[in-house]
PDB file of N, CA and C in Angstrom:
ATOM      1  N   UNK A   1     185.769 -57.688  80.916  1.00  0.00           N
ATOM      2  CA  UNK A   1     186.239 -58.625  81.924  1.00  0.00           C
ATOM      3  C   UNK A   1     187.754 -58.748  81.830  1.00  0.00           C
ATOM      4  N   UNK A   2     188.365 -58.921  82.969  1.00  0.00           N
ATOM      5  CA  UNK A   2     189.820 -59.044  82.960  1.00  0.00           C
ATOM      6  C   UNK A   2     190.243 -60.506  82.804  1.00  0.00           C
ATOM      7  N   UNK A   3     191.476 -60.680  82.419  1.00  0.00           N
ATOM      8  CA  UNK A   3     191.996 -62.013  82.091  1.00  0.00           C
ATOM      9  C   UNK A   3     191.949 -63.002  83.264  1.00  0.00           C
ATOM     10  N   UNK A   4     192.402 -62.624  84.471  1.00  0.00           N
ATOM     11  CA  UNK A   4     192.344 -63.598  85.572  1.00  0.00           C
ATOM     12  C   UNK A   4     190.926 -64.095  85.868  1.00  0.00           C
ATOM     13  N   UNK A   5     189.951 -63.205  85.762  1.00  0.00           N
ATOM     14  CA  UNK A   5     188.567 -63.627  86.004  1.00  0.00           C
ATOM     15  C   UNK A   5     188.106 -64.615  84.933  1.00  0.00           C
ATOM     16  N   UNK A   6     188.422 -64.335  83.679  1.00  0.00           N
ATOM     17  CA  UNK A   6     188.034 -65.252  82.601  1.00  0.00           C
ATOM     18  C   UNK A   6     188.715 -66.611  82.756  1.00  0.00           C
ATOM     19  N   UNK A   7     189.984 -66.602  83.174  1.00  0.00           N
ATOM     20  CA  UNK A   7     190.683 -67.873  83.378  1.00  0.00           C
ATOM     21  C   UNK A   7     190.077 -68.658  84.539  1.00  0.00           C
ATOM     22  N   UNK A   8     189.673 -67.972  85.598  1.00  0.00           N
ATOM     23  CA  UNK A   8     189.047 -68.669  86.723  1.00  0.00           C
ATOM     24  C   UNK A   8     187.679 -69.222  86.330  1.00  0.00           C
ATOM     25  N   UNK A   9     186.942 -68.486  85.507  1.00  0.00           N
ATOM     26  CA  UNK A   9     185.652 -68.987  85.017  1.00  0.00           C
ATOM     27  C   UNK A   9     185.873 -70.230  84.152  1.00  0.00           C
ATOM     28  N   UNK A  10     186.863 -70.186  83.260  1.00  0.00           N
ATOM     29  CA  UNK A  10     187.169 -71.341  82.412  1.00  0.00           C
ATOM     30  C   UNK A  10     187.605 -72.532  83.260  1.00  0.00           C
ATOM     31  N   UNK A  11     188.421 -72.284  84.288  1.00  0.00           N
ATOM     32  CA  UNK A  11     188.872 -73.363  85.168  1.00  0.00           C
ATOM     33  C   UNK A  11     187.699 -73.973  85.923  1.00  0.00           C
ATOM     34  N   UNK A  12     186.794 -73.142  86.395  1.00  0.00           N
ATOM     35  CA  UNK A  12     185.611 -73.642  87.106  1.00  0.00           C
ATOM     36  C   UNK A  12     184.740 -74.480  86.189  1.00  0.00           C
ATOM     37  N   UNK A  13     184.545 -74.028  84.961  1.00  0.00           N
ATOM     38  CA  UNK A  13     183.752 -74.806  84.003  1.00  0.00           C
ATOM     39  C   UNK A  13     184.419 -76.142  83.677  1.00  0.00           C
ATOM     40  N   UNK A  14     185.732 -76.144  83.536  1.00  0.00           N
ATOM     41  CA  UNK A  14     186.460 -77.404  83.278  1.00  0.00           C
ATOM     42  C   UNK A  14     186.330 -78.334  84.482  1.00  0.00           C
ATOM     43  N   UNK A  15     186.396 -77.781  85.688  1.00  0.00           N
ATOM     44  CA  UNK A  15     186.265 -78.593  86.895  1.00  0.00           C
ATOM     45  C   UNK A  15     184.867 -79.192  87.003  1.00  0.00           C
ATOM     46  N   UNK A  16     183.842 -78.399  86.733  1.00  0.00           N
ATOM     47  CA  UNK A  16     182.458 -78.900  86.776  1.00  0.00           C
ATOM     48  C   UNK A  16     182.257 -79.987  85.732  1.00  0.00           C
ATOM     49  N   UNK A  17     182.810 -79.781  84.538  1.00  0.00           N
ATOM     50  CA  UNK A  17     182.692 -80.783  83.481  1.00  0.00           C
ATOM     51  C   UNK A  17     183.402 -82.076  83.873  1.00  0.00           C
ATOM     52  N   UNK A  18     184.583 -81.967  84.482  1.00  0.00           N
ATOM     53  CA  UNK A  18     185.317 -83.159  84.916  1.00  0.00           C
ATOM     54  C   UNK A  18     184.536 -83.924  85.973  1.00  0.00           C
ATOM     55  N   UNK A  19     183.990 -83.218  86.953  1.00  0.00           N
ATOM     56  CA  UNK A  19     183.219 -83.884  88.005  1.00  0.00           C
ATOM     57  C   UNK A  19     181.959 -84.540  87.442  1.00  0.00           C
ATOM     58  N   UNK A  20     181.304 -83.868  86.503  1.00  0.00           N
ATOM     59  CA  UNK A  20     180.142 -84.466  85.854  1.00  0.00           C
ATOM     60  C   UNK A  20     180.503 -85.679  85.030  1.00  0.00           C
ATOM     61  N   UNK A  21     181.654 -85.625  84.381  1.00  0.00           N
ATOM     62  CA  UNK A  21     182.114 -86.754  83.570  1.00  0.00           C
ATOM     63  C   UNK A  21     182.425 -87.953  84.460  1.00  0.00           C
ATOM     64  N   UNK A  22     183.062 -87.708  85.597  1.00  0.00           N
ATOM     65  CA  UNK A  22     183.363 -88.791  86.537  1.00  0.00           C
ATOM     66  C   UNK A  22     182.067 -89.380  87.091  1.00  0.00           C
ATOM     67  N   UNK A  23     181.134 -88.513  87.484  1.00  0.00           N
ATOM     68  CA  UNK A  23     179.860 -88.987  88.035  1.00  0.00           C
ATOM     69  C   UNK A  23     179.082 -89.789  86.996  1.00  0.00           C
ATOM     70  N   UNK A  24     179.076 -89.324  85.754  1.00  0.00           N
ATOM     71  CA  UNK A  24     178.368 -90.042  84.701  1.00  0.00           C
ATOM     72  C   UNK A  24     178.982 -91.390  84.402  1.00  0.00           C
ATOM     73  N   UNK A  25     180.286 -91.490  84.526  1.00  0.00           N
ATOM     74  CA  UNK A  25     180.968 -92.759  84.290  1.00  0.00           C
ATOM     75  C   UNK A  25     180.639 -93.776  85.379  1.00  0.00           C
ATOM     76  N   UNK A  26     180.536 -93.308  86.615  1.00  0.00           N
ATOM     77  CA  UNK A  26     180.339 -94.215  87.743  1.00  0.00           C
ATOM     78  C   UNK A  26     178.869 -94.500  88.070  1.00  0.00           C
ATOM     79  N   UNK A  27     177.938 -93.764  87.449  1.00  0.00           N
ATOM     80  CA  UNK A  27     176.518 -93.960  87.758  1.00  0.00           C
ATOM     81  C   UNK A  27     176.023 -95.311  87.241  1.00  0.00           C
ATOM     82  N   UNK A  28     175.198 -95.975  88.037  1.00  0.00           N
ATOM     83  CA  UNK A  28     174.616 -97.230  87.539  1.00  0.00           C
ATOM     84  C   UNK A  28     173.531 -96.936  86.498  1.00  0.00           C
ATOM     85  N   UNK A  29     173.308 -97.900  85.632  1.00  0.00           N
ATOM     86  CA  UNK A  29     172.270 -97.758  84.603  1.00  0.00           C
ATOM     87  C   UNK A  29     170.941 -98.178  85.219  1.00  0.00           C
ATOM     88  N   UNK A  30     169.902 -97.347  85.100  1.00  0.00           N
ATOM     89  CA  UNK A  30     168.596 -97.728  85.658  1.00  0.00           C
ATOM     90  C   UNK A  30     168.072 -99.020  85.034  1.00  0.00           C
ATOM     91  N   UNK A  31     167.414 -99.827  85.841  1.00  0.00           N
ATOM     92  CA  UNK A  31     166.936-101.140  85.387  1.00  0.00           C
ATOM     93  C   UNK A  31     165.904-101.032  84.269  1.00  0.00           C
ATOM     94  N   UNK A  32     165.162 -99.931  84.215  1.00  0.00           N
ATOM     95  CA  UNK A  32     164.130 -99.810  83.171  1.00  0.00           C
ATOM     96  C   UNK A  32     164.701 -99.520  81.791  1.00  0.00           C
ATOM     97  N   UNK A  33     165.978 -99.195  81.692  1.00  0.00           N
ATOM     98  CA  UNK A  33     166.600 -98.947  80.391  1.00  0.00           C
ATOM     99  C   UNK A  33     167.201-100.259  79.873  1.00  0.00           C
ATOM    100  N   UNK A  34     166.311-101.151  79.452  1.00  0.00           N
ATOM    101  CA  UNK A  34     166.718-102.505  79.073  1.00  0.00           C
ATOM    102  C   UNK A  34     167.628-102.521  77.839  1.00  0.00           C
ATOM    103  N   UNK A  35     167.372-101.643  76.877  1.00  0.00           N
ATOM    104  CA  UNK A  35     168.209-101.620  75.669  1.00  0.00           C
ATOM    105  C   UNK A  35     169.641-101.213  76.016  1.00  0.00           C
ATOM    106  N   UNK A  36     169.785-100.235  76.909  1.00  0.00           N
ATOM    107  CA  UNK A  36     171.128 -99.809  77.298  1.00  0.00           C
ATOM    108  C   UNK A  36     171.820-100.891  78.123  1.00  0.00           C
ATOM    109  N   UNK A  37     171.081-101.558  78.985  1.00  0.00           N
ATOM    110  CA  UNK A  37     171.661-102.650  79.764  1.00  0.00           C
ATOM    111  C   UNK A  37     172.165-103.768  78.859  1.00  0.00           C
ATOM    112  N   UNK A  38     171.379-104.093  77.832  1.00  0.00           N
ATOM    113  CA  UNK A  38     171.789-105.136  76.888  1.00  0.00           C
ATOM    114  C   UNK A  38     173.044-104.715  76.127  1.00  0.00           C
ATOM    115  N   UNK A  39     173.123-103.443  75.753  1.00  0.00           N
ATOM    116  CA  UNK A  39     174.298-102.939  75.049  1.00  0.00           C
ATOM    117  C   UNK A  39     175.536-103.008  75.931  1.00  0.00           C
ATOM    118  N   UNK A  40     175.385-102.607  77.192  1.00  0.00           N
ATOM    119  CA  UNK A  40     176.517-102.637  78.120  1.00  0.00           C
ATOM    120  C   UNK A  40     176.978-104.076  78.358  1.00  0.00           C
ATOM    121  N   UNK A  41     176.047-105.001  78.473  1.00  0.00           N
ATOM    122  CA  UNK A  41     176.430-106.404  78.656  1.00  0.00           C
ATOM    123  C   UNK A  41     177.183-106.932  77.440  1.00  0.00           C
ATOM    124  N   UNK A  42     176.757-106.519  76.248  1.00  0.00           N
ATOM    125  CA  UNK A  42     177.468-106.914  75.035  1.00  0.00           C
ATOM    126  C   UNK A  42     178.880-106.324  75.020  1.00  0.00           C
ATOM    127  N   UNK A  43     179.005-105.061  75.454  1.00  0.00           N
ATOM    128  CA  UNK A  43     180.319-104.424  75.505  1.00  0.00           C
ATOM    129  C   UNK A  43     181.233-105.107  76.524  1.00  0.00           C
ATOM    130  N   UNK A  44     180.641-105.589  77.620  1.00  0.00           N
ATOM    131  CA  UNK A  44     181.438-106.282  78.637  1.00  0.00           C
ATOM    132  C   UNK A  44     181.865-107.672  78.174  1.00  0.00           C
ATOM    133  N   UNK A  45     181.115-108.261  77.269  1.00  0.00           N
ATOM    134  CA  UNK A  45     181.402-109.624  76.826  1.00  0.00           C
ATOM    135  C   UNK A  45     182.312-109.674  75.601  1.00  0.00           C
ATOM    136  N   UNK A  46     182.431-108.583  74.851  1.00  0.00           N
ATOM    137  CA  UNK A  46     183.197-108.579  73.606  1.00  0.00           C
ATOM    138  C   UNK A  46     184.654-108.239  73.874  1.00  0.00           C
ATOM    139  N   UNK A  47     185.537-109.168  73.555  1.00  0.00           N
ATOM    140  CA  UNK A  47     186.975-108.981  73.742  1.00  0.00           C
ATOM    141  C   UNK A  47     187.586-108.338  72.501  1.00  0.00           C
ATOM    142  N   UNK A  48     188.505-107.416  72.727  1.00  0.00           N
ATOM    143  CA  UNK A  48     189.211-106.743  71.646  1.00  0.00           C
ATOM    144  C   UNK A  48     190.692-107.078  71.778  1.00  0.00           C
ATOM    145  N   UNK A  49     191.310-107.652  70.742  1.00  0.00           N
ATOM    146  CA  UNK A  49     192.748-107.929  70.838  1.00  0.00           C
ATOM    147  C   UNK A  49     193.529-106.614  70.844  1.00  0.00           C
ATOM    148  N   UNK A  50     194.479-106.533  71.731  1.00  0.00           N
ATOM    149  CA  UNK A  50     195.291-105.325  71.857  1.00  0.00           C
ATOM    150  C   UNK A  50     196.670-105.581  71.248  1.00  0.00           C
ATOM    151  N   UNK A  51     197.284-104.553  70.665  1.00  0.00           N
ATOM    152  CA  UNK A  51     198.615-104.749  70.076  1.00  0.00           C
ATOM    153  C   UNK A  51     199.661-105.165  71.113  1.00  0.00           C
ATOM    154  N   UNK A  52     199.515-104.632  72.326  1.00  0.00           N
ATOM    155  CA  UNK A  52     200.444-104.965  73.408  1.00  0.00           C
ATOM    156  C   UNK A  52     199.604-105.356  74.619  1.00  0.00           C
ATOM    157  N   UNK A  53     199.889-106.489  75.218  1.00  0.00           N
ATOM    158  CA  UNK A  53     199.171-106.897  76.417  1.00  0.00           C
ATOM    159  C   UNK A  53     198.003-107.814  76.108  1.00  0.00           C
ATOM    160  N   UNK A  54     197.247-108.093  77.143  1.00  0.00           N
ATOM    161  CA  UNK A  54     196.125-109.016  77.006  1.00  0.00           C
ATOM    162  C   UNK A  54     194.909-108.319  76.396  1.00  0.00           C
ATOM    163  N   UNK A  55     193.999-109.099  75.839  1.00  0.00           N
ATOM    164  CA  UNK A  55     192.784-108.502  75.265  1.00  0.00           C
ATOM    165  C   UNK A  55     191.959-107.786  76.332  1.00  0.00           C
ATOM    166  N   UNK A  56     191.244-106.776  75.905  1.00  0.00           N
ATOM    167  CA  UNK A  56     190.374-105.993  76.779  1.00  0.00           C
ATOM    168  C   UNK A  56     188.965-106.004  76.204  1.00  0.00           C
ATOM    169  N   UNK A  57     187.980-105.747  77.063  1.00  0.00           N
ATOM    170  CA  UNK A  57     186.607-105.639  76.573  1.00  0.00           C
ATOM    171  C   UNK A  57     186.361-104.201  76.112  1.00  0.00           C
ATOM    172  N   UNK A  58     185.332-104.039  75.304  1.00  0.00           N
ATOM    173  CA  UNK A  58     184.962-102.693  74.876  1.00  0.00           C
ATOM    174  C   UNK A  58     184.644-101.815  76.085  1.00  0.00           C
ATOM    175  N   UNK A  59     184.031-102.394  77.109  1.00  0.00           N
ATOM    176  CA  UNK A  59     183.675-101.617  78.299  1.00  0.00           C
ATOM    177  C   UNK A  59     184.927-101.144  79.035  1.00  0.00           C
ATOM    178  N   UNK A  60     185.953-101.977  79.114  1.00  0.00           N
ATOM    179  CA  UNK A  60     187.206-101.559  79.751  1.00  0.00           C
ATOM    180  C   UNK A  60     187.869-100.427  78.967  1.00  0.00           C
ATOM    181  N   UNK A  61     187.815-100.508  77.648  1.00  0.00           N
ATOM    182  CA  UNK A  61     188.387 -99.455  76.813  1.00  0.00           C
ATOM    183  C   UNK A  61     187.613 -98.160  77.006  1.00  0.00           C
ATOM    184  N   UNK A  62     186.292 -98.235  77.031  1.00  0.00           N
ATOM    185  CA  UNK A  62     185.462 -97.049  77.223  1.00  0.00           C
ATOM    186  C   UNK A  62     185.691 -96.429  78.597  1.00  0.00           C
ATOM    187  N   UNK A  63     185.756 -97.250  79.642  1.00  0.00           N
ATOM    188  CA  UNK A  63     186.010 -96.728  80.985  1.00  0.00           C
ATOM    189  C   UNK A  63     187.389 -96.069  81.067  1.00  0.00           C
ATOM    190  N   UNK A  64     188.384 -96.684  80.454  1.00  0.00           N
ATOM    191  CA  UNK A  64     189.717 -96.083  80.438  1.00  0.00           C
ATOM    192  C   UNK A  64     189.725 -94.738  79.732  1.00  0.00           C
ATOM    193  N   UNK A  65     189.005 -94.642  78.631  1.00  0.00           N
ATOM    194  CA  UNK A  65     188.899 -93.384  77.903  1.00  0.00           C
ATOM    195  C   UNK A  65     188.179 -92.336  78.749  1.00  0.00           C
ATOM    196  N   UNK A  66     187.115 -92.739  79.429  1.00  0.00           N
ATOM    197  CA  UNK A  66     186.369 -91.799  80.267  1.00  0.00           C
ATOM    198  C   UNK A  66     187.225 -91.260  81.408  1.00  0.00           C
ATOM    199  N   UNK A  67     187.975 -92.139  82.075  1.00  0.00           N
ATOM    200  CA  UNK A  67     188.815 -91.678  83.177  1.00  0.00           C
ATOM    201  C   UNK A  67     189.979 -90.823  82.673  1.00  0.00           C
ATOM    202  N   UNK A  68     190.518 -91.137  81.505  1.00  0.00           N
ATOM    203  CA  UNK A  68     191.592 -90.312  80.932  1.00  0.00           C
ATOM    204  C   UNK A  68     191.074 -88.915  80.590  1.00  0.00           C
ATOM    205  N   UNK A  69     189.882 -88.840  80.036  1.00  0.00           N
ATOM    206  CA  UNK A  69     189.274 -87.549  79.728  1.00  0.00           C
ATOM    207  C   UNK A  69     189.032 -86.749  81.001  1.00  0.00           C
ATOM    208  N   UNK A  70     188.548 -87.415  82.042  1.00  0.00           N
ATOM    209  CA  UNK A  70     188.317 -86.723  83.314  1.00  0.00           C
ATOM    210  C   UNK A  70     189.633 -86.212  83.892  1.00  0.00           C
ATOM    211  N   UNK A  71     190.685 -87.001  83.801  1.00  0.00           N
ATOM    212  CA  UNK A  71     191.988 -86.575  84.305  1.00  0.00           C
ATOM    213  C   UNK A  71     192.491 -85.364  83.523  1.00  0.00           C
ATOM    214  N   UNK A  72     192.342 -85.374  82.199  1.00  0.00           N
ATOM    215  CA  UNK A  72     192.748 -84.228  81.387  1.00  0.00           C
ATOM    216  C   UNK A  72     191.999 -82.980  81.822  1.00  0.00           C
ATOM    217  N   UNK A  73     190.694 -83.086  82.034  1.00  0.00           N
ATOM    218  CA  UNK A  73     189.908 -81.928  82.446  1.00  0.00           C
ATOM    219  C   UNK A  73     190.332 -81.412  83.818  1.00  0.00           C
ATOM    220  N   UNK A  74     190.608 -82.329  84.752  1.00  0.00           N
ATOM    221  CA  UNK A  74     191.057 -81.903  86.084  1.00  0.00           C
ATOM    222  C   UNK A  74     192.408 -81.198  86.008  1.00  0.00           C
ATOM    223  N   UNK A  75     193.333 -81.736  85.221  1.00  0.00           N
ATOM    224  CA  UNK A  75     194.647 -81.112  85.088  1.00  0.00           C
ATOM    225  C   UNK A  75     194.558 -79.754  84.396  1.00  0.00           C
ATOM    226  N   UNK A  76     193.706 -79.646  83.395  1.00  0.00           N
ATOM    227  CA  UNK A  76     193.525 -78.355  82.723  1.00  0.00           C
ATOM    228  C   UNK A  76     192.915 -77.331  83.668  1.00  0.00           C
ATOM    229  N   UNK A  77     191.959 -77.750  84.491  1.00  0.00           N
ATOM    230  CA  UNK A  77     191.363 -76.833  85.471  1.00  0.00           C
ATOM    231  C   UNK A  77     192.420 -76.352  86.451  1.00  0.00           C
ATOM    232  N   UNK A  78     193.250 -77.262  86.945  1.00  0.00           N
ATOM    233  CA  UNK A  78     194.315 -76.877  87.874  1.00  0.00           C
ATOM    234  C   UNK A  78     195.297 -75.921  87.211  1.00  0.00           C
ATOM    235  N   UNK A  79     195.630 -76.203  85.966  1.00  0.00           N
ATOM    236  CA  UNK A  79     196.569 -75.346  85.248  1.00  0.00           C
ATOM    237  C   UNK A  79     195.973 -73.953  85.019  1.00  0.00           C
ATOM    238  N   UNK A  80     194.702 -73.882  84.661  1.00  0.00           N
ATOM    239  CA  UNK A  80     194.070 -72.581  84.442  1.00  0.00           C
ATOM    240  C   UNK A  80     193.985 -71.781  85.732  1.00  0.00           C
ATOM    241  N   UNK A  81     193.683 -72.448  86.848  1.00  0.00           N
ATOM    242  CA  UNK A  81     193.687 -71.749  88.135  1.00  0.00           C
ATOM    243  C   UNK A  81     195.080 -71.213  88.449  1.00  0.00           C
ATOM    244  N   UNK A  82     196.113 -72.006  88.164  1.00  0.00           N
ATOM    245  CA  UNK A  82     197.490 -71.581  88.443  1.00  0.00           C
ATOM    246  C   UNK A  82     197.888 -70.400  87.562  1.00  0.00           C
ATOM    247  N   UNK A  83     197.520 -70.439  86.291  1.00  0.00           N
ATOM    248  CA  UNK A  83     197.892 -69.369  85.366  1.00  0.00           C
ATOM    249  C   UNK A  83     197.136 -68.085  85.686  1.00  0.00           C
ATOM    250  N   UNK A  84     195.933 -68.206  86.220  1.00  0.00           N
ATOM    251  CA  UNK A  84     195.135 -67.018  86.531  1.00  0.00           C
ATOM    252  C   UNK A  84     195.830 -66.134  87.566  1.00  0.00           C
ATOM    253  N   UNK A  85     196.654 -66.727  88.418  1.00  0.00           N
ATOM    254  CA  UNK A  85     197.335 -65.956  89.452  1.00  0.00           C
ATOM    255  C   UNK A  85     198.703 -65.443  89.048  1.00  0.00           C
ATOM    256  N   UNK A  86     199.119 -65.659  87.805  1.00  0.00           N
ATOM    257  CA  UNK A  86     200.441 -65.212  87.367  1.00  0.00           C
ATOM    258  C   UNK A  86     200.321 -63.990  86.474  1.00  0.00           C
ATOM    259  N   UNK A  87     201.383 -63.190  86.387  1.00  0.00           N
ATOM    260  CA  UNK A  87     201.348 -62.040  85.475  1.00  0.00           C
ATOM    261  C   UNK A  87     201.369 -62.503  84.017  1.00  0.00           C
ATOM    262  N   UNK A  88     200.855 -61.659  83.160  1.00  0.00           N
ATOM    263  CA  UNK A  88     200.784 -62.000  81.732  1.00  0.00           C
ATOM    264  C   UNK A  88     202.191 -61.972  81.126  1.00  0.00           C
ATOM    265  N   UNK A  89     202.578 -63.097  80.516  1.00  0.00           N
ATOM    266  CA  UNK A  89     203.879 -63.217  79.861  1.00  0.00           C
ATOM    267  C   UNK A  89     203.696 -64.017  78.585  1.00  0.00           C
ATOM    268  N   UNK A  90     204.692 -63.964  77.719  1.00  0.00           N
ATOM    269  CA  UNK A  90     204.624 -64.716  76.455  1.00  0.00           C
ATOM    270  C   UNK A  90     204.568 -66.214  76.716  1.00  0.00           C
ATOM    271  N   UNK A  91     205.299 -66.683  77.733  1.00  0.00           N
ATOM    272  CA  UNK A  91     205.309 -68.118  78.029  1.00  0.00           C
ATOM    273  C   UNK A  91     203.938 -68.591  78.492  1.00  0.00           C
ATOM    274  N   UNK A  92     203.263 -67.800  79.328  1.00  0.00           N
ATOM    275  CA  UNK A  92     201.925 -68.211  79.782  1.00  0.00           C
ATOM    276  C   UNK A  92     200.925 -68.172  78.642  1.00  0.00           C
ATOM    277  N   UNK A  93     201.124 -67.266  77.697  1.00  0.00           N
ATOM    278  CA  UNK A  93     200.238 -67.243  76.527  1.00  0.00           C
ATOM    279  C   UNK A  93     200.386 -68.517  75.705  1.00  0.00           C
ATOM    280  N   UNK A  94     201.612 -69.005  75.564  1.00  0.00           N
ATOM    281  CA  UNK A  94     201.828 -70.251  74.821  1.00  0.00           C
ATOM    282  C   UNK A  94     201.212 -71.441  75.565  1.00  0.00           C
ATOM    283  N   UNK A  95     201.356 -71.454  76.879  1.00  0.00           N
ATOM    284  CA  UNK A  95     200.760 -72.529  77.671  1.00  0.00           C
ATOM    285  C   UNK A  95     199.231 -72.501  77.532  1.00  0.00           C
ATOM    286  N   UNK A  96     198.651 -71.316  77.521  1.00  0.00           N
ATOM    287  CA  UNK A  96     197.198 -71.204  77.347  1.00  0.00           C
ATOM    288  C   UNK A  96     196.759 -71.697  75.973  1.00  0.00           C
ATOM    289  N   UNK A  97     197.560 -71.440  74.950  1.00  0.00           N
ATOM    290  CA  UNK A  97     197.214 -71.898  73.600  1.00  0.00           C
ATOM    291  C   UNK A  97     197.249 -73.420  73.529  1.00  0.00           C
ATOM    292  N   UNK A  98     198.227 -74.038  74.175  1.00  0.00           N
ATOM    293  CA  UNK A  98     198.314 -75.508  74.197  1.00  0.00           C
ATOM    294  C   UNK A  98     197.147 -76.091  74.992  1.00  0.00           C
ATOM    295  N   UNK A  99     196.806 -75.460  76.110  1.00  0.00           N
ATOM    296  CA  UNK A  99     195.664 -75.914  76.915  1.00  0.00           C
ATOM    297  C   UNK A  99     194.367 -75.792  76.136  1.00  0.00           C
ATOM    298  N   UNK A 100     194.210 -74.692  75.427  1.00  0.00           N
ATOM    299  CA  UNK A 100     193.002 -74.505  74.621  1.00  0.00           C
ATOM    300  C   UNK A 100     192.919 -75.564  73.521  1.00  0.00           C
ATOM    301  N   UNK A 101     194.048 -75.894  72.916  1.00  0.00           N
ATOM    302  CA  UNK A 101     194.049 -76.926  71.882  1.00  0.00           C
ATOM    303  C   UNK A 101     193.708 -78.291  72.480  1.00  0.00           C
ATOM    304  N   UNK A 102     194.201 -78.560  73.691  1.00  0.00           N
ATOM    305  CA  UNK A 102     193.911 -79.836  74.347  1.00  0.00           C
ATOM    306  C   UNK A 102     192.429 -79.944  74.691  1.00  0.00           C
ATOM    307  N   UNK A 103     191.844 -78.840  75.109  1.00  0.00           N
ATOM    308  CA  UNK A 103     190.428 -78.880  75.459  1.00  0.00           C
ATOM    309  C   UNK A 103     189.559 -78.921  74.221  1.00  0.00           C
TER     310      UNK A 103
END
């Protein structure tokens, strides 16, 4: 397989993972999963003091982490698509190594 094809496959997989991560974050919890509902309510009620700013709940921290992860995956997918269309150079190899480390 050639490099541009592998990069496009990796970008597509990162994009699918990002979309799945966003969908999973926004999906409602089914009513029959009472233990998970109770856990989520506890996370929404528990305040965590923050070093800077007002206190946040565990659920707000988790949602922020989920959206940040989704954003990272979307940006990496865009970057991989962009690199797939460029000629092979030492600079693009370094960018790919940093992207791989981030993922």
